[in-house]
Protein backbone atom coordinates (compact mmCIF):
# COMPACT_ATOMS: atom_id res chain seq x y z
CA UNK A 1 40.35 -42.40 8.10
CA UNK A 2 41.00 -39.61 10.60
CA UNK A 3 39.23 -36.27 10.11
CA UNK A 4 40.84 -32.91 10.85
CA UNK A 5 38.72 -32.65 14.01
CA UNK A 6 39.89 -36.05 15.21
CA UNK A 7 43.53 -35.21 14.43
CA UNK A 8 43.23 -32.14 16.66
CA UNK A 9 41.62 -34.16 19.40
CA UNK A 10 44.24 -36.88 19.06
CA UNK A 11 46.89 -34.26 19.69
CA UNK A 12 45.29 -33.54 23.05
CA UNK A 13 46.42 -36.92 24.35
CA UNK A 14 49.31 -37.45 21.99
CA UNK A 15 48.05 -40.97 21.40
CA UNK A 16 47.36 -42.79 18.09
CA UNK A 17 43.76 -43.35 19.08
CA UNK A 18 42.67 -43.66 15.45
CA UNK A 19 44.10 -47.15 15.75
CA UNK A 20 41.80 -47.78 18.71
CA UNK A 21 38.28 -46.42 17.99
CA UNK A 22 37.20 -47.00 21.58
CA UNK A 23 39.66 -44.26 22.62
CA UNK A 24 37.67 -41.56 20.83
CA UNK A 25 35.29 -41.06 23.75
CA UNK A 26 38.27 -40.54 26.05
CA UNK A 27 39.76 -38.03 23.62
CA UNK A 28 36.47 -36.16 23.39
CA UNK A 29 36.27 -36.12 27.18
CA UNK A 30 39.67 -34.41 27.30
CA UNK A 31 38.54 -31.74 24.87
CA UNK A 32 35.24 -31.35 26.69
CA UNK A 33 37.02 -31.02 30.04
CA UNK A 34 39.12 -28.20 28.57
CA UNK A 35 35.98 -26.50 27.28
CA UNK A 36 34.31 -26.90 30.66
CA UNK A 37 37.33 -25.41 32.43
CA UNK A 38 37.36 -22.53 29.96
CA UNK A 39 33.63 -21.98 30.52
CA UNK A 40 34.11 -22.05 34.30
CA UNK A 41 36.88 -19.48 34.08
CA UNK A 42 34.68 -17.37 31.84
CA UNK A 43 31.81 -17.51 34.35
CA UNK A 44 34.12 -16.62 37.23
CA UNK A 45 35.44 -13.71 35.21
CA UNK A 46 31.86 -12.74 34.36
CA UNK A 47 30.90 -12.77 38.05
CA UNK A 48 33.87 -10.54 38.83
CA UNK A 49 32.94 -8.15 36.05
CA UNK A 50 29.38 -8.02 37.34
CA UNK A 51 30.65 -6.93 40.76
CA UNK A 52 32.83 -4.26 39.12
CA UNK A 53 29.88 -3.08 37.04
CA UNK A 54 27.70 -2.74 40.15
CA UNK A 55 30.48 -0.81 41.92
CA UNK A 56 31.05 1.50 38.94
CA UNK A 57 27.33 2.14 38.61
CA UNK A 58 27.14 3.00 42.30
CA UNK A 59 30.17 5.33 42.32
CA UNK A 60 29.74 7.11 38.96
CA UNK A 61 26.07 6.80 38.12
CA UNK A 62 27.01 5.29 34.73
CA UNK A 63 26.50 1.79 33.40
CA UNK A 64 29.66 0.24 31.91
CA UNK A 65 27.78 -2.93 30.93
CA UNK A 66 27.53 -1.73 27.34
CA UNK A 67 31.32 -1.52 27.03
CA UNK A 68 31.71 -5.04 28.41
CA UNK A 69 29.18 -6.36 25.92
CA UNK A 70 30.84 -4.46 23.09
CA UNK A 71 34.16 -6.11 23.98
CA UNK A 72 32.46 -9.51 23.81
CA UNK A 73 30.64 -8.80 20.53
CA UNK A 74 33.67 -7.33 18.77
CA UNK A 75 36.05 -10.11 19.78
CA UNK A 76 37.95 -8.23 22.48
CA UNK A 77 36.87 -10.71 25.19
CA UNK A 78 38.97 -13.90 24.75
CA UNK A 79 36.99 -16.17 27.07
CA UNK A 80 34.02 -16.74 24.78
CA UNK A 81 36.23 -17.12 21.71
CA UNK A 82 38.36 -19.73 23.47
CA UNK A 83 35.30 -21.69 24.56
CA UNK A 84 33.79 -21.61 21.06
CA UNK A 85 37.07 -22.70 19.50
CA UNK A 86 37.18 -25.79 21.70
CA UNK A 87 33.51 -26.72 21.42
CA UNK A 88 33.59 -26.31 17.63
CA UNK A 89 36.07 -29.19 17.51
CA UNK A 90 33.66 -31.56 19.22
CA UNK A 91 31.01 -33.15 16.95
CA UNK A 92 28.32 -32.32 16.05
CA UNK A 93 25.69 -29.84 14.79
CA UNK A 94 23.31 -28.30 15.75
CA UNK A 95 25.03 -26.12 18.36
CA UNK A 96 24.39 -23.47 20.97
CA UNK A 97 24.50 -20.13 19.19
CA UNK A 98 26.55 -18.57 22.00
CA UNK A 99 29.21 -21.06 23.17
CA UNK A 100 28.95 -23.52 20.20
CA UNK A 101 28.54 -26.56 22.47
CA UNK A 102 27.17 -29.43 20.34
CA UNK A 103 23.63 -30.71 20.72
CA UNK A 104 23.98 -33.60 18.27
CA UNK A 105 26.00 -36.79 18.06
CA UNK A 106 28.18 -38.39 20.69
CA UNK A 107 29.76 -35.03 21.56
CA UNK A 108 26.33 -33.62 22.37
CA UNK A 109 25.58 -36.53 24.67
CA UNK A 110 28.81 -35.95 26.57
CA UNK A 111 28.52 -32.16 27.00
CA UNK A 112 24.98 -32.57 28.30
CA UNK A 113 26.55 -34.14 31.38
CA UNK A 114 28.35 -30.81 31.92
CA UNK A 115 25.16 -28.74 31.86
CA UNK A 116 25.18 -27.82 28.16
CA UNK A 117 21.88 -29.43 27.21
CA UNK A 118 19.34 -27.44 25.23
CA UNK A 119 17.62 -24.72 27.22
CA UNK A 120 13.95 -25.69 27.76
CA UNK A 121 12.63 -22.27 26.65
CA UNK A 122 15.21 -21.62 23.92
CA UNK A 123 16.27 -24.64 21.82
CA UNK A 124 18.88 -22.52 20.00
CA UNK A 125 20.87 -22.08 23.21
CA UNK A 126 22.34 -24.37 25.84
CA UNK A 127 21.11 -24.28 29.41
CA UNK A 128 24.40 -22.87 30.73
CA UNK A 129 24.41 -19.91 28.34
CA UNK A 130 20.69 -19.23 28.89
CA UNK A 131 21.35 -19.09 32.63
CA UNK A 132 24.31 -16.74 32.18
CA UNK A 133 22.33 -14.38 29.94
CA UNK A 134 19.60 -14.25 32.55
CA UNK A 135 22.20 -13.36 35.21
CA UNK A 136 24.04 -10.81 33.05
CA UNK A 137 21.53 -8.99 30.82
CA UNK A 138 22.75 -6.29 28.50
CA UNK A 139 24.03 -5.62 25.02
CA UNK A 140 25.58 -2.99 22.77
CA UNK A 141 25.13 -1.33 19.41
CA UNK A 142 27.63 -2.78 16.93
CA UNK A 143 28.12 -3.06 13.18
CA UNK A 144 27.10 -6.46 11.82
CA UNK A 145 25.54 -8.20 8.84
CA UNK A 146 22.22 -10.02 8.85
CA UNK A 147 20.93 -12.73 6.52
CA UNK A 148 17.31 -13.74 5.96
CA UNK A 149 16.39 -16.77 3.86
CA UNK A 150 12.69 -17.02 3.14
CA UNK A 151 10.68 -19.74 1.38
CA UNK A 152 8.69 -18.30 -1.53
CA UNK A 153 5.07 -19.39 -1.81
CA UNK A 154 5.21 -21.71 1.18
CA UNK A 155 1.41 -21.95 1.30
CA UNK A 156 1.28 -23.22 -2.28
CA UNK A 157 4.13 -25.66 -1.67
CA UNK A 158 2.45 -27.09 1.43
CA UNK A 159 -0.86 -27.41 -0.40
CA UNK A 160 0.52 -30.07 -2.73
CA UNK A 161 1.99 -32.43 -0.15
CA UNK A 162 1.22 -33.98 3.21
CA UNK A 163 2.01 -32.09 6.40
CA UNK A 164 4.71 -34.63 7.26
CA UNK A 165 6.34 -34.33 3.84
CA UNK A 166 6.32 -30.53 4.13
CA UNK A 167 7.84 -30.74 7.61
CA UNK A 168 10.63 -33.00 6.29
CA UNK A 169 11.28 -30.60 3.42
CA UNK A 170 11.53 -27.64 5.81
CA UNK A 171 13.87 -29.54 8.12
CA UNK A 172 16.13 -30.29 5.17
CA UNK A 173 16.14 -26.56 4.36
CA UNK A 174 16.95 -25.72 8.00
CA UNK A 175 19.86 -28.17 8.00
CA UNK A 176 21.34 -26.85 4.75
CA UNK A 177 20.90 -23.25 5.90
CA UNK A 178 22.57 -24.00 9.23
CA UNK A 179 25.55 -25.63 7.50
CA UNK A 180 26.03 -22.73 5.08
CA UNK A 181 25.73 -20.14 7.85
CA UNK A 182 27.98 -21.78 10.46
CA UNK A 183 30.60 -22.72 7.85
CA UNK A 184 30.96 -19.00 7.13
CA UNK A 185 31.17 -18.04 10.83
CA UNK A 186 27.60 -16.86 11.24
CA UNK A 187 25.15 -17.92 13.92
CA UNK A 188 21.59 -19.05 13.30
CA UNK A 189 19.55 -16.57 15.30
CA UNK A 190 16.17 -18.22 14.82
CA UNK A 191 14.00 -20.34 12.60
CA UNK A 192 10.89 -18.46 11.51
CA UNK A 193 8.48 -21.13 10.34
CA UNK A 194 9.41 -20.97 6.67
CA UNK A 195 12.53 -18.85 7.05
CA UNK A 196 15.90 -18.53 8.75
CA UNK A 197 17.57 -15.47 10.30
CA UNK A 198 21.34 -15.39 10.83
CA UNK A 199 23.75 -12.91 12.42
CA UNK A 200 27.33 -12.28 11.34
CA UNK A 201 28.93 -10.37 14.21
CA UNK A 202 32.57 -9.25 14.40
CA UNK A 203 33.41 -11.51 17.37
CA UNK A 204 32.79 -14.64 15.31
CA UNK A 205 32.85 -13.56 11.65
CA UNK A 206 35.57 -10.91 11.97
CA UNK A 207 35.59 -7.37 10.64
CA UNK A 208 34.87 -8.78 7.18
CA UNK A 209 31.43 -9.95 8.34
CA UNK A 210 29.71 -8.55 5.23
CA UNK A 211 31.79 -10.77 2.95
CA UNK A 212 31.11 -13.80 5.13
CA UNK A 213 27.36 -13.14 5.01
CA UNK A 214 27.37 -12.80 1.21
CA UNK A 215 29.46 -15.97 0.86
CA UNK A 216 27.02 -17.82 3.10
CA UNK A 217 24.08 -16.62 1.00
CA UNK A 218 25.73 -17.78 -2.21
CA UNK A 219 26.67 -21.12 -0.69
CA UNK A 220 23.11 -21.67 0.54
CA UNK A 221 21.67 -20.85 -2.88
CA UNK A 222 24.07 -23.26 -4.56
CA UNK A 223 23.21 -26.02 -2.11
CA UNK A 224 19.46 -25.48 -2.48
CA UNK A 225 19.77 -25.51 -6.27
CA UNK A 226 21.45 -28.92 -6.06
CA UNK A 227 18.65 -30.36 -3.91
CA UNK A 228 16.61 -33.14 -5.49
CA UNK A 229 12.96 -32.51 -6.18
CA UNK A 230 10.77 -31.46 -4.50
CA UNK A 231 12.89 -28.34 -4.11
CA UNK A 232 11.96 -25.35 -1.97
CA UNK A 233 11.95 -21.95 -3.73
CA UNK A 234 14.01 -19.69 -1.44
CA UNK A 235 14.90 -16.01 -1.69
CA UNK A 236 17.78 -14.59 0.38
CA UNK A 237 18.43 -11.06 1.61
CA UNK A 238 21.61 -9.62 3.20
CA UNK A 239 22.08 -6.19 4.74
CA UNK A 240 24.75 -4.58 6.92
CA UNK A 241 24.53 -1.82 9.46
CA UNK A 242 24.29 -0.99 13.15
CA UNK A 243 21.99 -2.92 15.47
CA UNK A 244 21.54 -3.60 19.16
CA UNK A 245 22.92 -7.07 19.86
CA UNK A 246 22.54 -8.73 23.23
CA UNK A 247 19.90 -10.01 25.61
CA UNK A 248 16.36 -9.50 24.36
CA UNK A 249 13.34 -10.37 26.51
CA UNK A 250 13.11 -10.97 30.22
CA UNK A 251 13.51 -13.78 32.73
CA UNK A 252 13.23 -17.31 31.39
CA UNK A 253 12.23 -15.97 27.98
CA UNK A 254 15.52 -14.09 27.47
CA UNK A 255 17.32 -14.63 24.19
CA UNK A 256 20.49 -13.49 22.45
CA UNK A 257 19.42 -11.63 19.33
CA UNK A 258 19.60 -8.38 17.36
CA UNK A 259 17.18 -5.47 17.07
CA UNK A 260 17.09 -2.41 14.87
CA UNK A 261 16.53 -1.08 11.37
CA UNK A 262 19.17 -3.34 9.82
CA UNK A 263 17.23 -6.42 10.99
CA UNK A 264 13.92 -5.09 9.69
CA UNK A 265 15.42 -4.14 6.33
CA UNK A 266 17.05 -7.54 5.90
CA UNK A 267 13.73 -9.25 6.59
CA UNK A 268 12.13 -7.13 3.86
CA UNK A 269 14.94 -8.01 1.43
CA UNK A 270 14.54 -11.70 2.16
CA UNK A 271 10.80 -11.56 1.52
CA UNK A 272 11.29 -9.48 -1.66
CA UNK A 273 13.99 -11.66 -3.26
CA UNK A 274 12.76 -13.98 -5.97
CA UNK A 275 13.26 -17.73 -5.71
CA UNK A 276 16.93 -18.48 -6.25
CA UNK A 277 17.89 -14.80 -5.90
CA UNK A 278 20.29 -13.21 -3.42
CA UNK A 279 19.35 -9.58 -2.84
CA UNK A 280 21.93 -7.47 -1.01
CA UNK A 281 22.02 -3.80 -0.11
CA UNK A 282 24.60 -1.49 -1.65
CA UNK A 283 26.00 -0.98 1.86
CA UNK A 284 26.69 -4.71 2.10
CA UNK A 285 28.01 -4.90 -1.45
CA UNK A 286 30.53 -2.11 -0.82
CA UNK A 287 31.61 -3.59 2.52
CA UNK A 288 31.97 -7.05 0.94
CA UNK A 289 33.78 -5.59 -2.09
CA UNK A 290 31.20 -7.01 -4.49
CA UNK A 291 31.54 -5.37 -7.94
CA UNK A 292 28.48 -3.17 -8.36
CA UNK A 293 29.26 -1.64 -11.77
CA UNK A 294 28.03 -4.64 -13.77
CA UNK A 295 25.46 -5.88 -11.25
CA UNK A 296 21.71 -5.57 -11.65
CA UNK A 297 20.84 -2.59 -9.48
CA UNK A 298 17.40 -2.05 -8.04
CA UNK A 299 15.88 0.72 -5.95
CA UNK A 300 13.33 -0.76 -3.60
CA UNK A 301 10.50 0.73 -1.64
CA UNK A 302 10.28 -1.30 1.53
CA UNK A 303 7.02 -1.45 3.44
CA UNK A 304 7.16 0.65 6.60
CA UNK A 305 10.33 2.50 5.54
CA UNK A 306 10.30 6.08 4.26
CA UNK A 307 13.54 5.93 2.24
CA UNK A 308 14.20 3.77 -0.80
CA UNK A 309 16.99 1.23 -0.53
CA UNK A 310 19.63 0.66 -3.21
CA UNK A 311 20.20 -3.05 -3.78
CA UNK A 312 21.81 -5.42 -6.23
CA UNK A 313 20.71 -8.91 -7.21
CA UNK A 314 23.29 -11.69 -7.34
């Protein structure tokens, strides 16, 4: 049986390779070559932009890097979108959170030959993207949505099982969270021991990023509820607002992430949500067009924040 991914890949060669399984590697190579060419063009374009940025900074005393990053983060830069579209059709998860090159399966083995292996200092990113971020640091303030999923009472859960069993349970949670997030066009920003942080930025999730984040939260809750015992108790928080998104850190420790009040608030929501509860801010609910009239509303005092936050529980 041919999957939708394979049908797309088969169209690359125009050959009925589903009748000849050994052809699949060749088909994947064609798709990978296209992704590699797209990535190369993107890097060449990036190098050219860097020269223009340096020239503009010299002549005007201003730094246009922020505009370039904003174009990338809001979907106005087609190179990254084209590369992600191609890599997303090559199996399989997990993937680089920037270019979506696969780390797993046969596709992951093939793209590693093109320099897209996991970055040694950042396992959430491929080596090629980590190198490019180091060469082109920067970022911009944009509107986005953030999701935090946090295991409730992880210390108690771990107390009643072996360390290996707890590790396996967490890895199952990570896998289910990653599937729910990436299916709804988010990117897993980081794993936080007993939690997951995800970003829904306009470039990948579209202008309706709040809806995609809420849908991902609901999908994750449904999947976790269907897990066999032992089942992890997880609370989920979602908030939308403006944050700095771009390169965080320096040198080999650089990462692509988000900083700002919206991230801090979402972390607080995730840690405040009860097991099996999705807690979203009113700002997210309105942006996602979630009916708030009949929802359970809650005003929350968040540690370290002077103003109360209006939320609803789903």
